[in-house]
Structures are given as structure tokens and as C-alpha cells.
């Protein structure tokens, strides 16, 4: 894959064939990443609860 192709994929964002994931986050950190994303995009507030031990 060329660097230009990678930049194009990133620029186009997620869709049914592309999903961006980070493998260095623990579940509690994921919660905050999601909340910050929702705030940035002015999405309705949601409650996220821990569902596993």
C-alpha cells in the first residue's frame, strides 16, 4: 500500500468496509474516548456502565 492510498483511506473515514481501532486502550480509557468524541460532535449524552468485572 502506498502512503497516498493510506492517507486517502483515513481521509474518507470509517464506512462499512473500513473501521479504525486502537489496540492500546483499556476499557475505561475507551469510555472516555467515546464520550469526548460524542461531545465534540454534539451528540446526545449517553450513559456508559461497566458490564464486566
C-alpha atoms as a PDB file:
ATOM      1  CA  UNK A   1       0.000   0.000   0.000  1.00  0.00           C
ATOM      2  CA  UNK A   2       1.296   3.400  -0.910  1.00  0.00           C
ATOM      3  CA  UNK A   3       1.361   6.236   1.594  1.00  0.00           C
ATOM      4  CA  UNK A   4      -1.077   8.183  -0.607  1.00  0.00           C
ATOM      5  CA  UNK A   5      -3.533   5.249  -0.527  1.00  0.00           C
ATOM      6  CA  UNK A   6      -3.373   5.099   3.253  1.00  0.00           C
ATOM      7  CA  UNK A   7      -3.983   8.861   3.517  1.00  0.00           C
ATOM      8  CA  UNK A   8      -6.987   8.529   1.212  1.00  0.00           C
ATOM      9  CA  UNK A   9      -8.487   5.762   3.368  1.00  0.00           C
ATOM     10  CA  UNK A  10      -8.010   7.826   6.517  1.00  0.00           C
ATOM     11  CA  UNK A  11      -9.402  10.960   4.873  1.00  0.00           C
ATOM     12  CA  UNK A  12     -12.549   9.089   3.775  1.00  0.00           C
ATOM     13  CA  UNK A  13     -13.216   7.907   7.335  1.00  0.00           C
ATOM     14  CA  UNK A  14     -14.992   4.805   8.508  1.00  0.00           C
ATOM     15  CA  UNK A  15     -17.629   3.025   6.455  1.00  0.00           C
ATOM     16  CA  UNK A  16     -18.955  -0.499   6.023  1.00  0.00           C
ATOM     17  CA  UNK A  17     -15.559  -1.689   4.776  1.00  0.00           C
ATOM     18  CA  UNK A  18     -13.220   0.374   6.969  1.00  0.00           C
ATOM     19  CA  UNK A  19     -13.158   0.598  10.757  1.00  0.00           C
ATOM     20  CA  UNK A  20     -10.434   2.323  12.760  1.00  0.00           C
ATOM     21  CA  UNK A  21      -9.430   0.728  16.038  1.00  0.00           C
ATOM     22  CA  UNK A  22      -6.794   1.306  18.662  1.00  0.00           C
ATOM     23  CA  UNK A  23      -5.349  -1.720  20.396  1.00  0.00           C
ATOM     24  CA  UNK A  24      -3.573   0.201  23.150  1.00  0.00           C
ATOM     25  CA  UNK A  25      -6.683   1.261  25.097  1.00  0.00           C
ATOM     26  CA  UNK A  26      -8.121  -0.428  28.120  1.00  0.00           C
ATOM     27  CA  UNK A  27     -11.933  -0.439  28.553  1.00  0.00           C
ATOM     28  CA  UNK A  28     -12.014   2.526  30.988  1.00  0.00           C
ATOM     29  CA  UNK A  29      -9.960   4.602  28.555  1.00  0.00           C
ATOM     30  CA  UNK A  30     -12.308   3.612  25.724  1.00  0.00           C
ATOM     31  CA  UNK A  31     -15.213   5.070  27.675  1.00  0.00           C
ATOM     32  CA  UNK A  32     -13.543   8.475  27.835  1.00  0.00           C
ATOM     33  CA  UNK A  33     -12.539   8.404  24.168  1.00  0.00           C
ATOM     34  CA  UNK A  34     -16.152   7.727  23.182  1.00  0.00           C
ATOM     35  CA  UNK A  35     -17.500  10.429  25.495  1.00  0.00           C
ATOM     36  CA  UNK A  36     -15.050  13.009  24.127  1.00  0.00           C
ATOM     37  CA  UNK A  37     -15.977  12.067  20.557  1.00  0.00           C
ATOM     38  CA  UNK A  38     -19.672  12.448  21.325  1.00  0.00           C
ATOM     39  CA  UNK A  39     -19.110  15.832  22.963  1.00  0.00           C
ATOM     40  CA  UNK A  40     -17.065  17.048  20.007  1.00  0.00           C
ATOM     41  CA  UNK A  41     -19.850  16.071  17.613  1.00  0.00           C
ATOM     42  CA  UNK A  42     -22.587  17.378  19.932  1.00  0.00           C
ATOM     43  CA  UNK A  43     -24.280  14.007  20.138  1.00  0.00           C
ATOM     44  CA  UNK A  44     -26.882  13.337  22.833  1.00  0.00           C
ATOM     45  CA  UNK A  45     -25.427  12.303  26.163  1.00  0.00           C
ATOM     46  CA  UNK A  46     -25.390   8.580  26.807  1.00  0.00           C
ATOM     47  CA  UNK A  47     -24.654   6.658  29.979  1.00  0.00           C
ATOM     48  CA  UNK A  48     -21.971   4.027  29.771  1.00  0.00           C
ATOM     49  CA  UNK A  49     -21.721   1.484  32.533  1.00  0.00           C
ATOM     50  CA  UNK A  50     -19.144  -1.161  33.167  1.00  0.00           C
ATOM     51  CA  UNK A  51     -20.703  -4.514  32.241  1.00  0.00           C
ATOM     52  CA  UNK A  52     -17.850  -6.863  33.066  1.00  0.00           C
ATOM     53  CA  UNK A  53     -15.530  -7.404  36.023  1.00  0.00           C
END
